[in-house]
Amino acid sequence: LRDVNMLCLYEGGSTVNCNAGFIYVQNAAPDGPVAWAFRHAAEIPLLWADDEFKHIQSLGVMDEHRPALCLTFDQSYLHDALLSAAVGRPLHMWALMTCQPDTWGAKLDSG
């Protein structure tokens, strides 16, 4: 395990779905992918919440009248950050997965 920089408890689903409650990091470079993932997982929710989620709402992926704020919790942001680090570009799939307005489902169902 000496070459492993980050170890976390697997929580099912995706191969990068890491349980945010159990993470161990060792010998991670300050400018490496592990540090980037943690920084990304902290910066994105702060940026999105800074304008009270108006930016996400303007993209049409989050209904402003919806009672829940999508999957905007630590597990989702960490999952997206690890997935982003694995593929080499920022993805926000998990956090935005449940944000779509109800009309998206109707569009998908109608083909």
N, C-alpha and C. Protein backbone atom coordinates (compact mmCIF):
# COMPACT_ATOMS: atom_id res chain seq x y z
N LEU A 1 0.80 -1.21 0.00
CA LEU A 1 0.00 0.00 0.00
C LEU A 1 0.85 1.27 0.00
N ARG A 2 2.16 1.13 -0.03
CA ARG A 2 3.00 2.33 0.04
C ARG A 2 2.85 3.23 -1.19
N ASP A 3 2.42 2.69 -2.31
CA ASP A 3 2.24 3.50 -3.51
C ASP A 3 0.83 4.07 -3.65
N VAL A 4 -0.03 3.78 -2.70
CA VAL A 4 -1.41 4.27 -2.72
C VAL A 4 -1.46 5.62 -2.02
N ASN A 5 -1.99 6.63 -2.70
CA ASN A 5 -2.08 7.96 -2.11
C ASN A 5 -3.40 8.21 -1.39
N MET A 6 -4.45 7.57 -1.85
CA MET A 6 -5.76 7.76 -1.23
C MET A 6 -6.49 6.43 -1.16
N LEU A 7 -7.02 6.16 0.00
CA LEU A 7 -7.77 4.94 0.22
C LEU A 7 -9.09 5.33 0.87
N CYS A 8 -10.17 4.77 0.37
CA CYS A 8 -11.47 5.09 0.97
C CYS A 8 -12.34 3.85 0.94
N LEU A 9 -13.36 3.88 1.75
CA LEU A 9 -14.30 2.78 1.83
C LEU A 9 -15.23 2.83 0.62
N TYR A 10 -15.33 1.74 -0.10
CA TYR A 10 -16.20 1.64 -1.27
C TYR A 10 -17.65 1.64 -0.82
N GLU A 11 -18.48 2.41 -1.52
CA GLU A 11 -19.88 2.51 -1.12
C GLU A 11 -20.85 2.05 -2.21
N GLY A 12 -20.38 1.29 -3.15
CA GLY A 12 -21.28 0.77 -4.17
C GLY A 12 -21.52 1.76 -5.29
N GLY A 13 -22.07 1.26 -6.38
CA GLY A 13 -22.34 2.13 -7.52
C GLY A 13 -21.14 2.20 -8.45
N SER A 14 -20.58 3.36 -8.59
CA SER A 14 -19.46 3.61 -9.49
C SER A 14 -18.14 3.12 -8.88
N THR A 15 -17.16 2.88 -9.72
CA THR A 15 -15.84 2.46 -9.22
C THR A 15 -15.11 3.57 -8.50
N VAL A 16 -15.56 4.81 -8.65
CA VAL A 16 -14.94 5.91 -7.92
C VAL A 16 -15.86 6.44 -6.82
N ASN A 17 -16.88 5.67 -6.44
CA ASN A 17 -17.79 6.11 -5.39
C ASN A 17 -17.17 5.82 -4.04
N CYS A 18 -16.65 6.84 -3.45
CA CYS A 18 -15.90 6.76 -2.20
C CYS A 18 -16.78 7.27 -1.06
N ASN A 19 -16.83 6.53 0.04
CA ASN A 19 -17.57 6.97 1.21
C ASN A 19 -16.81 8.14 1.85
N ALA A 20 -17.43 9.30 1.88
CA ALA A 20 -16.76 10.50 2.41
C ALA A 20 -16.47 10.38 3.90
N GLY A 21 -17.09 9.44 4.58
CA GLY A 21 -16.85 9.27 6.01
C GLY A 21 -15.62 8.45 6.34
N PHE A 22 -15.02 7.80 5.35
CA PHE A 22 -13.84 6.97 5.61
C PHE A 22 -12.83 7.17 4.49
N ILE A 23 -11.87 8.03 4.72
CA ILE A 23 -10.82 8.33 3.73
C ILE A 23 -9.48 8.39 4.44
N TYR A 24 -8.48 7.77 3.84
CA TYR A 24 -7.11 7.85 4.35
C TYR A 24 -6.22 8.33 3.22
N VAL A 25 -5.43 9.36 3.48
CA VAL A 25 -4.52 9.92 2.47
C VAL A 25 -3.11 9.88 3.02
N GLN A 26 -2.16 9.46 2.16
CA GLN A 26 -0.76 9.44 2.55
C GLN A 26 0.11 9.82 1.35
N ASN A 27 1.17 10.54 1.61
CA ASN A 27 2.16 10.91 0.59
C ASN A 27 1.55 11.52 -0.67
N ALA A 28 0.50 12.26 -0.52
CA ALA A 28 -0.14 12.90 -1.67
C ALA A 28 0.59 14.20 -1.99
N ALA A 29 0.89 14.41 -3.26
CA ALA A 29 1.56 15.63 -3.68
C ALA A 29 0.61 16.82 -3.54
N PRO A 30 1.12 17.96 -3.10
CA PRO A 30 0.25 19.13 -2.94
C PRO A 30 -0.36 19.61 -4.26
N ASP A 31 0.28 19.25 -5.38
CA ASP A 31 -0.26 19.64 -6.68
C ASP A 31 -0.73 18.43 -7.49
N GLY A 32 -0.99 17.33 -6.80
CA GLY A 32 -1.40 16.09 -7.46
C GLY A 32 -2.91 15.92 -7.51
N PRO A 33 -3.35 14.80 -8.07
CA PRO A 33 -4.79 14.57 -8.26
C PRO A 33 -5.58 14.44 -6.96
N VAL A 34 -4.97 13.91 -5.90
CA VAL A 34 -5.71 13.78 -4.64
C VAL A 34 -5.98 15.16 -4.05
N ALA A 35 -4.97 16.01 -4.03
CA ALA A 35 -5.15 17.37 -3.52
C ALA A 35 -6.14 18.13 -4.39
N TRP A 36 -6.04 17.95 -5.72
CA TRP A 36 -6.97 18.61 -6.62
C TRP A 36 -8.41 18.18 -6.34
N ALA A 37 -8.61 16.89 -6.13
CA ALA A 37 -9.96 16.37 -5.88
C ALA A 37 -10.56 16.98 -4.62
N PHE A 38 -9.79 17.05 -3.55
CA PHE A 38 -10.32 17.64 -2.32
C PHE A 38 -10.59 19.13 -2.48
N ARG A 39 -9.70 19.83 -3.17
CA ARG A 39 -9.90 21.25 -3.42
C ARG A 39 -11.16 21.47 -4.27
N HIS A 40 -11.31 20.65 -5.30
CA HIS A 40 -12.47 20.75 -6.19
C HIS A 40 -13.77 20.46 -5.43
N ALA A 41 -13.73 19.45 -4.57
CA ALA A 41 -14.92 19.07 -3.80
C ALA A 41 -15.33 20.16 -2.82
N ALA A 42 -14.39 21.02 -2.45
CA ALA A 42 -14.72 22.14 -1.55
C ALA A 42 -15.08 23.41 -2.32
N GLU A 43 -14.38 23.67 -3.42
CA GLU A 43 -14.60 24.91 -4.17
C GLU A 43 -15.94 24.95 -4.91
N ILE A 44 -16.32 23.85 -5.54
CA ILE A 44 -17.53 23.85 -6.36
C ILE A 44 -18.78 24.18 -5.54
N PRO A 45 -19.02 23.53 -4.40
CA PRO A 45 -20.23 23.91 -3.66
C PRO A 45 -20.20 25.35 -3.18
N LEU A 46 -19.02 25.85 -2.84
CA LEU A 46 -18.93 27.25 -2.41
C LEU A 46 -19.23 28.20 -3.55
N LEU A 47 -18.71 27.89 -4.75
CA LEU A 47 -19.00 28.73 -5.91
C LEU A 47 -20.47 28.70 -6.28
N TRP A 48 -21.06 27.51 -6.27
CA TRP A 48 -22.46 27.38 -6.65
C TRP A 48 -23.38 28.05 -5.63
N ALA A 49 -23.04 27.92 -4.35
CA ALA A 49 -23.89 28.49 -3.30
C ALA A 49 -23.69 30.00 -3.16
N ASP A 50 -22.57 30.51 -3.66
CA ASP A 50 -22.24 31.92 -3.51
C ASP A 50 -23.33 32.83 -4.07
N ASP A 51 -23.92 32.42 -5.18
CA ASP A 51 -24.99 33.23 -5.76
C ASP A 51 -26.36 32.59 -5.52
N GLU A 52 -26.44 31.80 -4.45
CA GLU A 52 -27.68 31.10 -4.07
C GLU A 52 -28.19 30.20 -5.19
N PHE A 53 -27.27 29.57 -5.89
CA PHE A 53 -27.56 28.59 -6.94
C PHE A 53 -28.23 29.20 -8.16
N LYS A 54 -28.18 30.51 -8.31
CA LYS A 54 -28.80 31.15 -9.47
C LYS A 54 -28.12 30.76 -10.78
N HIS A 55 -26.79 30.53 -10.74
CA HIS A 55 -26.08 30.12 -11.96
C HIS A 55 -26.59 28.76 -12.45
N ILE A 56 -26.72 27.81 -11.55
CA ILE A 56 -27.21 26.49 -11.93
C ILE A 56 -28.65 26.59 -12.43
N GLN A 57 -29.44 27.39 -11.76
CA GLN A 57 -30.83 27.58 -12.21
C GLN A 57 -30.87 28.19 -13.60
N SER A 58 -29.93 29.10 -13.91
CA SER A 58 -29.92 29.74 -15.22
C SER A 58 -29.57 28.75 -16.33
N LEU A 59 -28.89 27.66 -16.00
CA LEU A 59 -28.54 26.65 -16.99
C LEU A 59 -29.72 25.74 -17.30
N GLY A 60 -30.79 25.86 -16.51
CA GLY A 60 -31.97 25.03 -16.73
C GLY A 60 -31.86 23.65 -16.13
N VAL A 61 -30.88 23.44 -15.25
CA VAL A 61 -30.72 22.12 -14.65
C VAL A 61 -31.22 22.06 -13.22
N MET A 62 -31.65 23.19 -12.68
CA MET A 62 -32.15 23.19 -11.30
C MET A 62 -33.34 24.12 -11.22
N ASP A 63 -34.49 23.57 -10.97
CA ASP A 63 -35.72 24.35 -10.86
C ASP A 63 -35.68 25.16 -9.57
N GLU A 64 -35.84 26.47 -9.68
CA GLU A 64 -35.76 27.32 -8.49
C GLU A 64 -36.90 27.07 -7.52
N HIS A 65 -37.97 26.42 -7.95
CA HIS A 65 -39.11 26.14 -7.08
C HIS A 65 -39.04 24.75 -6.47
N ARG A 66 -38.00 24.01 -6.81
CA ARG A 66 -37.84 22.64 -6.29
C ARG A 66 -37.41 22.72 -4.82
N PRO A 67 -38.00 21.94 -3.94
CA PRO A 67 -37.66 22.04 -2.52
C PRO A 67 -36.24 21.56 -2.18
N ALA A 68 -35.71 20.63 -2.96
CA ALA A 68 -34.37 20.10 -2.66
C ALA A 68 -33.35 20.74 -3.59
N LEU A 69 -32.15 20.87 -3.13
CA LEU A 69 -31.07 21.44 -3.93
C LEU A 69 -30.27 20.34 -4.59
N CYS A 70 -30.94 19.50 -5.35
CA CYS A 70 -30.29 18.42 -6.09
C CYS A 70 -29.55 17.51 -5.11
N LEU A 71 -28.43 17.00 -5.54
CA LEU A 71 -27.59 16.19 -4.64
C LEU A 71 -26.42 17.03 -4.17
N THR A 72 -26.72 18.18 -3.60
CA THR A 72 -25.67 19.10 -3.17
C THR A 72 -25.26 18.79 -1.73
N PHE A 73 -24.57 17.69 -1.57
CA PHE A 73 -24.01 17.34 -0.27
C PHE A 73 -22.62 16.76 -0.48
N ASP A 74 -21.86 16.60 0.58
CA ASP A 74 -20.43 16.26 0.47
C ASP A 74 -20.15 15.01 -0.34
N GLN A 75 -20.96 13.99 -0.19
CA GLN A 75 -20.74 12.74 -0.91
C GLN A 75 -20.80 12.95 -2.43
N SER A 76 -21.76 13.72 -2.87
CA SER A 76 -21.91 13.98 -4.30
C SER A 76 -20.74 14.78 -4.85
N TYR A 77 -20.33 15.81 -4.13
CA TYR A 77 -19.20 16.63 -4.59
C TYR A 77 -17.90 15.83 -4.61
N LEU A 78 -17.71 14.98 -3.61
CA LEU A 78 -16.50 14.15 -3.59
C LEU A 78 -16.53 13.15 -4.73
N HIS A 79 -17.66 12.53 -4.97
CA HIS A 79 -17.79 11.57 -6.07
C HIS A 79 -17.44 12.25 -7.39
N ASP A 80 -18.00 13.44 -7.62
CA ASP A 80 -17.72 14.16 -8.86
C ASP A 80 -16.25 14.56 -8.96
N ALA A 81 -15.66 14.97 -7.85
CA ALA A 81 -14.24 15.36 -7.87
C ALA A 81 -13.34 14.17 -8.19
N LEU A 82 -13.62 13.02 -7.60
CA LEU A 82 -12.81 11.82 -7.88
C LEU A 82 -13.01 11.36 -9.31
N LEU A 83 -14.24 11.40 -9.79
CA LEU A 83 -14.51 11.04 -11.18
C LEU A 83 -13.79 12.01 -12.12
N SER A 84 -13.82 13.28 -11.80
CA SER A 84 -13.13 14.30 -12.61
C SER A 84 -11.64 14.05 -12.64
N ALA A 85 -11.06 13.74 -11.48
CA ALA A 85 -9.61 13.45 -11.42
C ALA A 85 -9.27 12.21 -12.23
N ALA A 86 -10.16 11.23 -12.22
CA ALA A 86 -9.91 9.98 -12.95
C ALA A 86 -9.95 10.19 -14.47
N VAL A 87 -10.85 11.04 -14.95
CA VAL A 87 -10.98 11.23 -16.40
C VAL A 87 -10.18 12.43 -16.90
N GLY A 88 -9.71 13.27 -15.99
CA GLY A 88 -8.84 14.38 -16.38
C GLY A 88 -9.55 15.66 -16.78
N ARG A 89 -10.83 15.77 -16.46
CA ARG A 89 -11.56 17.02 -16.73
C ARG A 89 -12.73 17.12 -15.75
N PRO A 90 -13.14 18.34 -15.42
CA PRO A 90 -14.23 18.51 -14.45
C PRO A 90 -15.57 17.96 -14.96
N LEU A 91 -16.20 17.15 -14.13
CA LEU A 91 -17.53 16.63 -14.39
C LEU A 91 -18.39 16.91 -13.16
N HIS A 92 -19.64 17.18 -13.37
CA HIS A 92 -20.55 17.42 -12.24
C HIS A 92 -21.78 16.54 -12.36
N MET A 93 -21.56 15.35 -12.84
CA MET A 93 -22.65 14.43 -13.12
C MET A 93 -23.45 14.07 -11.87
N TRP A 94 -22.79 13.68 -10.82
CA TRP A 94 -23.49 13.17 -9.64
C TRP A 94 -24.28 14.26 -8.94
N ALA A 95 -23.67 15.43 -8.73
CA ALA A 95 -24.35 16.51 -8.02
C ALA A 95 -25.54 17.05 -8.81
N LEU A 96 -25.45 17.01 -10.14
CA LEU A 96 -26.53 17.57 -10.96
C LEU A 96 -27.53 16.52 -11.45
N MET A 97 -27.28 15.27 -11.12
CA MET A 97 -28.09 14.18 -11.65
C MET A 97 -29.58 14.32 -11.35
N THR A 98 -29.92 14.79 -10.17
CA THR A 98 -31.34 14.90 -9.81
C THR A 98 -31.85 16.33 -9.92
N CYS A 99 -31.07 17.21 -10.53
CA CYS A 99 -31.46 18.62 -10.62
C CYS A 99 -32.43 18.92 -11.73
N GLN A 100 -32.50 18.06 -12.72
CA GLN A 100 -33.27 18.40 -13.91
C GLN A 100 -34.73 18.68 -13.57
N PRO A 101 -35.28 19.67 -14.26
CA PRO A 101 -36.70 19.97 -14.06
C PRO A 101 -37.57 18.78 -14.45
N ASP A 102 -38.78 18.75 -13.96
CA ASP A 102 -39.70 17.65 -14.25
C ASP A 102 -39.95 17.49 -15.75
N THR A 103 -39.81 18.58 -16.51
CA THR A 103 -40.05 18.50 -17.95
C THR A 103 -39.02 17.64 -18.65
N TRP A 104 -37.81 17.48 -18.07
CA TRP A 104 -36.79 16.63 -18.69
C TRP A 104 -37.28 15.20 -18.78
N GLY A 105 -37.91 14.71 -17.70
CA GLY A 105 -38.42 13.34 -17.70
C GLY A 105 -39.46 13.14 -18.79
N ALA A 106 -40.33 14.12 -18.98
CA ALA A 106 -41.35 14.04 -20.01
C ALA A 106 -40.69 14.00 -21.40
N LYS A 107 -39.65 14.80 -21.60
CA LYS A 107 -38.95 14.81 -22.89
C LYS A 107 -38.29 13.47 -23.14
N LEU A 108 -37.69 12.88 -22.11
CA LEU A 108 -37.02 11.60 -22.27
C LEU A 108 -38.02 10.49 -22.52
N ASP A 109 -39.18 10.54 -21.83
CA ASP A 109 -40.20 9.51 -22.00
C ASP A 109 -40.85 9.54 -23.38
N SER A 110 -40.93 10.74 -23.98
CA SER A 110 -41.59 10.86 -25.27
C SER A 110 -40.65 10.56 -26.43
N GLY A 111 -39.38 10.35 -26.14
CA GLY A 111 -38.43 9.98 -27.17
C GLY A 111 -37.87 11.18 -27.81
